[in-house]
Amino acid sequence: MKICSGRKTSYLNGNSYEDCKKIAETINKNLKNKIIQKGKFGWSELLIEVDHDELIYKLVLKYLRRDGFDIGNFQNPQITPKSS
């Protein structure tokens, strides 16, 4: 498991912040179809699917929101495609 630390200057396993963003974009691209097919995707499922630390997890959520998905909240922890 690759881990990206949120420290200011260095990241674990030699990943830069830019590397972490690229990893998150790749995961995001792969998850979009799964979420659309299932209709919803729980945050706990995302954590398992991402298999990374908090930085990658948060970046994936950010990119899913950017791409038009409803990422839910602490009371409704699931990701769904936004209804048109």
PDB file of N, CA and C in Angstrom:
ATOM      1  N   MET A   1       0.841  -1.167   0.000  1.00  0.00           N
ATOM      2  CA  MET A   1       0.000   0.000   0.000  1.00  0.00           C
ATOM      3  C   MET A   1       0.893   1.240   0.000  1.00  0.00           C
ATOM      4  N   LYS A   2       0.697   2.119  -0.963  1.00  0.00           N
ATOM      5  CA  LYS A   2       1.420   3.379  -0.987  1.00  0.00           C
ATOM      6  C   LYS A   2       0.733   4.345  -0.040  1.00  0.00           C
ATOM      7  N   ILE A   3       1.509   5.113   0.678  1.00  0.00           N
ATOM      8  CA  ILE A   3       0.954   6.056   1.639  1.00  0.00           C
ATOM      9  C   ILE A   3       1.521   7.440   1.353  1.00  0.00           C
ATOM     10  N   CYS A   4       0.655   8.435   1.293  1.00  0.00           N
ATOM     11  CA  CYS A   4       1.073   9.810   1.129  1.00  0.00           C
ATOM     12  C   CYS A   4       0.804  10.536   2.432  1.00  0.00           C
ATOM     13  N   SER A   5       1.811  11.093   2.997  1.00  0.00           N
ATOM     14  CA  SER A   5       1.670  11.823   4.254  1.00  0.00           C
ATOM     15  C   SER A   5       1.285  13.264   3.968  1.00  0.00           C
ATOM     16  N   GLY A   6       0.567  13.887   4.872  1.00  0.00           N
ATOM     17  CA  GLY A   6       0.158  15.269   4.712  1.00  0.00           C
ATOM     18  C   GLY A   6       1.187  16.258   5.214  1.00  0.00           C
ATOM     19  N   ARG A   7       2.420  15.839   5.413  1.00  0.00           N
ATOM     20  CA  ARG A   7       3.452  16.742   5.898  1.00  0.00           C
ATOM     21  C   ARG A   7       3.762  17.816   4.868  1.00  0.00           C
ATOM     22  N   LYS A   8       4.294  18.940   5.328  1.00  0.00           N
ATOM     23  CA  LYS A   8       4.545  20.087   4.454  1.00  0.00           C
ATOM     24  C   LYS A   8       5.566  19.797   3.358  1.00  0.00           C
ATOM     25  N   THR A   9       6.666  19.151   3.676  1.00  0.00           N
ATOM     26  CA  THR A   9       7.751  19.062   2.700  1.00  0.00           C
ATOM     27  C   THR A   9       7.956  17.685   2.092  1.00  0.00           C
ATOM     28  N   SER A  10       7.736  16.617   2.840  1.00  0.00           N
ATOM     29  CA  SER A  10       8.024  15.299   2.279  1.00  0.00           C
ATOM     30  C   SER A  10       6.827  14.360   2.462  1.00  0.00           C
ATOM     31  N   TYR A  11       6.699  13.434   1.542  1.00  0.00           N
ATOM     32  CA  TYR A  11       5.635  12.443   1.569  1.00  0.00           C
ATOM     33  C   TYR A  11       6.252  11.067   1.715  1.00  0.00           C
ATOM     34  N   LEU A  12       5.537  10.163   2.330  1.00  0.00           N
ATOM     35  CA  LEU A  12       6.055   8.808   2.517  1.00  0.00           C
ATOM     36  C   LEU A  12       6.180   8.098   1.177  1.00  0.00           C
ATOM     37  N   ASN A  13       7.036   7.126   1.113  1.00  0.00           N
ATOM     38  CA  ASN A  13       7.293   6.318  -0.092  1.00  0.00           C
ATOM     39  C   ASN A  13       7.743   7.155  -1.282  1.00  0.00           C
ATOM     40  N   GLY A  14       8.268   8.336  -1.038  1.00  0.00           N
ATOM     41  CA  GLY A  14       8.817   9.148  -2.118  1.00  0.00           C
ATOM     42  C   GLY A  14       7.788   9.809  -3.011  1.00  0.00           C
ATOM     43  N   ASN A  15       6.519   9.800  -2.643  1.00  0.00           N
ATOM     44  CA  ASN A  15       5.496  10.438  -3.464  1.00  0.00           C
ATOM     45  C   ASN A  15       5.425  11.925  -3.155  1.00  0.00           C
ATOM     46  N   SER A  16       5.362  12.730  -4.204  1.00  0.00           N
ATOM     47  CA  SER A  16       5.136  14.160  -4.021  1.00  0.00           C
ATOM     48  C   SER A  16       3.629  14.391  -3.993  1.00  0.00           C
ATOM     49  N   TYR A  17       3.233  15.603  -3.657  1.00  0.00           N
ATOM     50  CA  TYR A  17       1.806  15.932  -3.666  1.00  0.00           C
ATOM     51  C   TYR A  17       1.240  15.752  -5.072  1.00  0.00           C
ATOM     52  N   GLU A  18       2.020  16.118  -6.079  1.00  0.00           N
ATOM     53  CA  GLU A  18       1.587  15.944  -7.478  1.00  0.00           C
ATOM     54  C   GLU A  18       1.392  14.465  -7.806  1.00  0.00           C
ATOM     55  N   ASP A  19       2.265  13.599  -7.284  1.00  0.00           N
ATOM     56  CA  ASP A  19       2.100  12.152  -7.484  1.00  0.00           C
ATOM     57  C   ASP A  19       0.789  11.685  -6.867  1.00  0.00           C
ATOM     58  N   CYS A  20       0.498  12.171  -5.670  1.00  0.00           N
ATOM     59  CA  CYS A  20      -0.742  11.792  -4.980  1.00  0.00           C
ATOM     60  C   CYS A  20      -1.969  12.244  -5.769  1.00  0.00           C
ATOM     61  N   LYS A  21      -1.890  13.434  -6.357  1.00  0.00           N
ATOM     62  CA  LYS A  21      -3.007  13.929  -7.174  1.00  0.00           C
ATOM     63  C   LYS A  21      -3.208  13.039  -8.402  1.00  0.00           C
ATOM     64  N   LYS A  22      -2.122  12.595  -9.023  1.00  0.00           N
ATOM     65  CA  LYS A  22      -2.232  11.720 -10.194  1.00  0.00           C
ATOM     66  C   LYS A  22      -2.829  10.368  -9.816  1.00  0.00           C
ATOM     67  N   ILE A  23      -2.425   9.835  -8.667  1.00  0.00           N
ATOM     68  CA  ILE A  23      -2.983   8.563  -8.181  1.00  0.00           C
ATOM     69  C   ILE A  23      -4.481   8.720  -7.948  1.00  0.00           C
ATOM     70  N   ALA A  24      -4.880   9.819  -7.316  1.00  0.00           N
ATOM     71  CA  ALA A  24      -6.292  10.068  -7.034  1.00  0.00           C
ATOM     72  C   ALA A  24      -7.097  10.213  -8.324  1.00  0.00           C
ATOM     73  N   GLU A  25      -6.548  10.887  -9.326  1.00  0.00           N
ATOM     74  CA  GLU A  25      -7.250  11.033 -10.614  1.00  0.00           C
ATOM     75  C   GLU A  25      -7.454   9.675 -11.279  1.00  0.00           C
ATOM     76  N   THR A  26      -6.448   8.812 -11.222  1.00  0.00           N
ATOM     77  CA  THR A  26      -6.558   7.474 -11.807  1.00  0.00           C
ATOM     78  C   THR A  26      -7.649   6.671 -11.106  1.00  0.00           C
ATOM     79  N   ILE A  27      -7.648   6.696  -9.787  1.00  0.00           N
ATOM     80  CA  ILE A  27      -8.664   5.976  -9.014  1.00  0.00           C
ATOM     81  C   ILE A  27     -10.042   6.545  -9.310  1.00  0.00           C
ATOM     82  N   ASN A  28     -10.133   7.871  -9.395  1.00  0.00           N
ATOM     83  CA  ASN A  28     -11.399   8.540  -9.681  1.00  0.00           C
ATOM     84  C   ASN A  28     -11.978   8.076 -11.017  1.00  0.00           C
ATOM     85  N   LYS A  29     -11.116   8.014 -12.019  1.00  0.00           N
ATOM     86  CA  LYS A  29     -11.564   7.594 -13.352  1.00  0.00           C
ATOM     87  C   LYS A  29     -12.128   6.172 -13.316  1.00  0.00           C
ATOM     88  N   ASN A  30     -11.487   5.282 -12.561  1.00  0.00           N
ATOM     89  CA  ASN A  30     -11.927   3.899 -12.467  1.00  0.00           C
ATOM     90  C   ASN A  30     -13.207   3.741 -11.640  1.00  0.00           C
ATOM     91  N   LEU A  31     -13.413   4.622 -10.667  1.00  0.00           N
ATOM     92  CA  LEU A  31     -14.575   4.498  -9.790  1.00  0.00           C
ATOM     93  C   LEU A  31     -15.870   5.026 -10.395  1.00  0.00           C
ATOM     94  N   LYS A  32     -15.772   5.978 -11.296  1.00  0.00           N
ATOM     95  CA  LYS A  32     -16.979   6.620 -11.839  1.00  0.00           C
ATOM     96  C   LYS A  32     -17.987   5.602 -12.375  1.00  0.00           C
ATOM     97  N   ASN A  33     -17.533   4.667 -13.201  1.00  0.00           N
ATOM     98  CA  ASN A  33     -18.446   3.680 -13.778  1.00  0.00           C
ATOM     99  C   ASN A  33     -19.032   2.762 -12.711  1.00  0.00           C
ATOM    100  N   LYS A  34     -18.235   2.376 -11.723  1.00  0.00           N
ATOM    101  CA  LYS A  34     -18.740   1.537 -10.632  1.00  0.00           C
ATOM    102  C   LYS A  34     -19.860   2.234  -9.886  1.00  0.00           C
ATOM    103  N   ILE A  35     -19.672   3.511  -9.601  1.00  0.00           N
ATOM    104  CA  ILE A  35     -20.679   4.266  -8.854  1.00  0.00           C
ATOM    105  C   ILE A  35     -21.951   4.410  -9.672  1.00  0.00           C
ATOM    106  N   ILE A  36     -21.814   4.692 -10.950  1.00  0.00           N
ATOM    107  CA  ILE A  36     -22.989   4.841 -11.813  1.00  0.00           C
ATOM    108  C   ILE A  36     -23.735   3.519 -11.931  1.00  0.00           C
ATOM    109  N   GLN A  37     -23.024   2.403 -12.078  1.00  0.00           N
ATOM    110  CA  GLN A  37     -23.674   1.092 -12.199  1.00  0.00           C
ATOM    111  C   GLN A  37     -24.388   0.679 -10.917  1.00  0.00           C
ATOM    112  N   LYS A  38     -23.742   0.900  -9.768  1.00  0.00           N
ATOM    113  CA  LYS A  38     -24.333   0.503  -8.491  1.00  0.00           C
ATOM    114  C   LYS A  38     -25.415   1.469  -8.027  1.00  0.00           C
ATOM    115  N   GLY A  39     -25.338   2.734  -8.454  1.00  0.00           N
ATOM    116  CA  GLY A  39     -26.295   3.732  -8.020  1.00  0.00           C
ATOM    117  C   GLY A  39     -25.876   4.450  -6.754  1.00  0.00           C
ATOM    118  N   LYS A  40     -25.064   3.820  -5.947  1.00  0.00           N
ATOM    119  CA  LYS A  40     -24.501   4.460  -4.760  1.00  0.00           C
ATOM    120  C   LYS A  40     -23.267   3.689  -4.332  1.00  0.00           C
ATOM    121  N   PHE A  41     -22.428   4.367  -3.575  1.00  0.00           N
ATOM    122  CA  PHE A  41     -21.153   3.796  -3.158  1.00  0.00           C
ATOM    123  C   PHE A  41     -20.829   4.389  -1.798  1.00  0.00           C
ATOM    124  N   GLY A  42     -20.708   3.562  -0.787  1.00  0.00           N
ATOM    125  CA  GLY A  42     -20.465   4.037   0.572  1.00  0.00           C
ATOM    126  C   GLY A  42     -19.039   4.535   0.779  1.00  0.00           C
ATOM    127  N   TRP A  43     -18.893   5.430   1.742  1.00  0.00           N
ATOM    128  CA  TRP A  43     -17.563   5.939   2.063  1.00  0.00           C
ATOM    129  C   TRP A  43     -16.648   4.811   2.520  1.00  0.00           C
ATOM    130  N   SER A  44     -17.190   3.852   3.259  1.00  0.00           N
ATOM    131  CA  SER A  44     -16.360   2.728   3.720  1.00  0.00           C
ATOM    132  C   SER A  44     -15.906   1.883   2.535  1.00  0.00           C
ATOM    133  N   GLU A  45     -16.770   1.725   1.534  1.00  0.00           N
ATOM    134  CA  GLU A  45     -16.379   1.008   0.318  1.00  0.00           C
ATOM    135  C   GLU A  45     -15.273   1.764  -0.411  1.00  0.00           C
ATOM    136  N   LEU A  46     -15.397   3.084  -0.430  1.00  0.00           N
ATOM    137  CA  LEU A  46     -14.384   3.912  -1.080  1.00  0.00           C
ATOM    138  C   LEU A  46     -13.039   3.762  -0.376  1.00  0.00           C
ATOM    139  N   LEU A  47     -13.058   3.744   0.936  1.00  0.00           N
ATOM    140  CA  LEU A  47     -11.824   3.593   1.694  1.00  0.00           C
ATOM    141  C   LEU A  47     -11.137   2.266   1.356  1.00  0.00           C
ATOM    142  N   ILE A  48     -11.917   1.212   1.213  1.00  0.00           N
ATOM    143  CA  ILE A  48     -11.372  -0.093   0.834  1.00  0.00           C
ATOM    144  C   ILE A  48     -10.867  -0.056  -0.611  1.00  0.00           C
ATOM    145  N   GLU A  49     -11.657   0.533  -1.497  1.00  0.00           N
ATOM    146  CA  GLU A  49     -11.308   0.596  -2.915  1.00  0.00           C
ATOM    147  C   GLU A  49     -10.040   1.418  -3.146  1.00  0.00           C
ATOM    148  N   VAL A  50      -9.929   2.524  -2.439  1.00  0.00           N
ATOM    149  CA  VAL A  50      -8.785   3.411  -2.600  1.00  0.00           C
ATOM    150  C   VAL A  50      -7.515   2.776  -2.042  1.00  0.00           C
ATOM    151  N   ASP A  51      -7.626   2.077  -0.924  1.00  0.00           N
ATOM    152  CA  ASP A  51      -6.502   1.376  -0.302  1.00  0.00           C
ATOM    153  C   ASP A  51      -5.290   2.293  -0.117  1.00  0.00           C
ATOM    154  N   HIS A  52      -5.555   3.517   0.248  1.00  0.00           N
ATOM    155  CA  HIS A  52      -4.500   4.504   0.491  1.00  0.00           C
ATOM    156  C   HIS A  52      -4.819   5.279   1.753  1.00  0.00           C
ATOM    157  N   ASP A  53      -3.990   6.215   2.045  1.00  0.00           N
ATOM    158  CA  ASP A  53      -4.204   7.007   3.249  1.00  0.00           C
ATOM    159  C   ASP A  53      -5.238   8.121   3.035  1.00  0.00           C
ATOM    160  N   GLU A  54      -5.360   8.952   4.033  1.00  0.00           N
ATOM    161  CA  GLU A  54      -6.387   9.992   4.065  1.00  0.00           C
ATOM    162  C   GLU A  54      -6.249  11.006   2.936  1.00  0.00           C
ATOM    163  N   LEU A  55      -5.029  11.348   2.550  1.00  0.00           N
ATOM    164  CA  LEU A  55      -4.833  12.339   1.495  1.00  0.00           C
ATOM    165  C   LEU A  55      -5.437  11.876   0.175  1.00  0.00           C
ATOM    166  N   ILE A  56      -5.148  10.662  -0.238  1.00  0.00           N
ATOM    167  CA  ILE A  56      -5.697  10.135  -1.491  1.00  0.00           C
ATOM    168  C   ILE A  56      -7.214  10.022  -1.389  1.00  0.00           C
ATOM    169  N   TYR A  57      -7.713   9.535  -0.266  1.00  0.00           N
ATOM    170  CA  TYR A  57      -9.149   9.391  -0.031  1.00  0.00           C
ATOM    171  C   TYR A  57      -9.868  10.732  -0.202  1.00  0.00           C
ATOM    172  N   LYS A  58      -9.313  11.776   0.415  1.00  0.00           N
ATOM    173  CA  LYS A  58      -9.931  13.100   0.330  1.00  0.00           C
ATOM    174  C   LYS A  58      -9.837  13.677  -1.074  1.00  0.00           C
ATOM    175  N   LEU A  59      -8.722  13.439  -1.744  1.00  0.00           N
ATOM    176  CA  LEU A  59      -8.586  13.927  -3.116  1.00  0.00           C
ATOM    177  C   LEU A  59      -9.588  13.238  -4.042  1.00  0.00           C
ATOM    178  N   VAL A  60      -9.794  11.935  -3.865  1.00  0.00           N
ATOM    179  CA  VAL A  60     -10.772  11.217  -4.693  1.00  0.00           C
ATOM    180  C   VAL A  60     -12.166  11.796  -4.465  1.00  0.00           C
ATOM    181  N   LEU A  61     -12.536  12.035  -3.207  1.00  0.00           N
ATOM    182  CA  LEU A  61     -13.842  12.647  -2.916  1.00  0.00           C
ATOM    183  C   LEU A  61     -13.958  14.024  -3.577  1.00  0.00           C
ATOM    184  N   LYS A  62     -12.900  14.810  -3.494  1.00  0.00           N
ATOM    185  CA  LYS A  62     -12.887  16.143  -4.104  1.00  0.00           C
ATOM    186  C   LYS A  62     -13.108  16.052  -5.612  1.00  0.00           C
ATOM    187  N   TYR A  63     -12.421  15.112  -6.263  1.00  0.00           N
ATOM    188  CA  TYR A  63     -12.536  14.978  -7.708  1.00  0.00           C
ATOM    189  C   TYR A  63     -13.905  14.417  -8.116  1.00  0.00           C
ATOM    190  N   LEU A  64     -14.477  13.549  -7.296  1.00  0.00           N
ATOM    191  CA  LEU A  64     -15.822  13.039  -7.595  1.00  0.00           C
ATOM    192  C   LEU A  64     -16.839  14.181  -7.514  1.00  0.00           C
ATOM    193  N   ARG A  65     -16.712  15.039  -6.505  1.00  0.00           N
ATOM    194  CA  ARG A  65     -17.611  16.196  -6.394  1.00  0.00           C
ATOM    195  C   ARG A  65     -17.449  17.098  -7.604  1.00  0.00           C
ATOM    196  N   ARG A  66     -16.208  17.349  -7.991  1.00  0.00           N
ATOM    197  CA  ARG A  66     -15.912  18.185  -9.156  1.00  0.00           C
ATOM    198  C   ARG A  66     -16.581  17.625 -10.414  1.00  0.00           C
ATOM    199  N   ASP A  67     -16.618  16.300 -10.522  1.00  0.00           N
ATOM    200  CA  ASP A  67     -17.158  15.644 -11.715  1.00  0.00           C
ATOM    201  C   ASP A  67     -18.662  15.412 -11.649  1.00  0.00           C
ATOM    202  N   GLY A  68     -19.342  16.018 -10.662  1.00  0.00           N
ATOM    203  CA  GLY A  68     -20.799  15.991 -10.642  1.00  0.00           C
ATOM    204  C   GLY A  68     -21.435  14.931  -9.774  1.00  0.00           C
ATOM    205  N   PHE A  69     -20.700  14.296  -8.904  1.00  0.00           N
ATOM    206  CA  PHE A  69     -21.262  13.296  -7.998  1.00  0.00           C
ATOM    207  C   PHE A  69     -21.622  13.957  -6.677  1.00  0.00           C
ATOM    208  N   ASP A  70     -22.673  13.454  -6.048  1.00  0.00           N
ATOM    209  CA  ASP A  70     -23.039  13.893  -4.704  1.00  0.00           C
ATOM    210  C   ASP A  70     -22.252  13.014  -3.744  1.00  0.00           C
ATOM    211  N   ILE A  71     -21.328  13.608  -2.972  1.00  0.00           N
ATOM    212  CA  ILE A  71     -20.470  12.801  -2.108  1.00  0.00           C
ATOM    213  C   ILE A  71     -21.044  12.626  -0.710  1.00  0.00           C
ATOM    214  N   GLY A  72     -22.236  13.132  -0.457  1.00  0.00           N
ATOM    215  CA  GLY A  72     -22.890  12.933   0.828  1.00  0.00           C
ATOM    216  C   GLY A  72     -22.287  13.757   1.940  1.00  0.00           C
ATOM    217  N   ASN A  73     -22.577  13.351   3.182  1.00  0.00           N
ATOM    218  CA  ASN A  73     -22.061  14.018   4.372  1.00  0.00           C
ATOM    219  C   ASN A  73     -21.991  12.996   5.500  1.00  0.00           C
ATOM    220  N   PHE A  74     -21.655  13.445   6.715  1.00  0.00           N
ATOM    221  CA  PHE A  74     -21.471  12.496   7.812  1.00  0.00           C
ATOM    222  C   PHE A  74     -22.768  11.783   8.184  1.00  0.00           C
ATOM    223  N   GLN A  75     -23.928  12.374   7.908  1.00  0.00           N
ATOM    224  CA  GLN A  75     -25.199  11.719   8.200  1.00  0.00           C
ATOM    225  C   GLN A  75     -25.612  10.758   7.083  1.00  0.00           C
ATOM    226  N   ASN A  76     -25.136  11.005   5.878  1.00  0.00           N
ATOM    227  CA  ASN A  76     -25.450  10.161   4.729  1.00  0.00           C
ATOM    228  C   ASN A  76     -24.145   9.850   4.002  1.00  0.00           C
ATOM    229  N   PRO A  77     -23.323   8.958   4.536  1.00  0.00           N
ATOM    230  CA  PRO A  77     -21.986   8.728   3.986  1.00  0.00           C
ATOM    231  C   PRO A  77     -21.974   7.837   2.746  1.00  0.00           C
ATOM    232  N   GLN A  78     -22.526   8.367   1.658  1.00  0.00           N
ATOM    233  CA  GLN A  78     -22.490   7.601   0.422  1.00  0.00           C
ATOM    234  C   GLN A  78     -22.365   8.548  -0.770  1.00  0.00           C
ATOM    235  N   ILE A  79     -21.817   8.016  -1.828  1.00  0.00           N
ATOM    236  CA  ILE A  79     -21.597   8.759  -3.055  1.00  0.00           C
ATOM    237  C   ILE A  79     -22.641   8.306  -4.064  1.00  0.00           C
ATOM    238  N   THR A  80     -23.326   9.262  -4.680  1.00  0.00           N
ATOM    239  CA  THR A  80     -24.341   8.928  -5.671  1.00  0.00           C
ATOM    240  C   THR A  80     -24.167   9.856  -6.873  1.00  0.00           C
ATOM    241  N   PRO A  81     -24.570   9.380  -8.051  1.00  0.00           N
ATOM    242  CA  PRO A  81     -24.581  10.295  -9.201  1.00  0.00           C
ATOM    243  C   PRO A  81     -25.659  11.352  -8.965  1.00  0.00           C
ATOM    244  N   LYS A  82     -25.371  12.589  -9.301  1.00  0.00           N
ATOM    245  CA  LYS A  82     -26.379  13.645  -9.131  1.00  0.00           C
ATOM    246  C   LYS A  82     -27.491  13.434 -10.141  1.00  0.00           C
ATOM    247  N   SER A  83     -28.710  13.626  -9.673  1.00  0.00           N
ATOM    248  CA  SER A  83     -29.851  13.487 -10.582  1.00  0.00           C
ATOM    249  C   SER A  83     -29.995  14.769 -11.394  1.00  0.00           C
ATOM    250  N   SER A  84     -30.277  14.607 -12.664  1.00  0.00           N
ATOM    251  CA  SER A  84     -30.369  15.754 -13.578  1.00  0.00           C
ATOM    252  C   SER A  84     -31.682  16.452 -13.449  1.00  0.00           C
TER     253      SER A  84
END
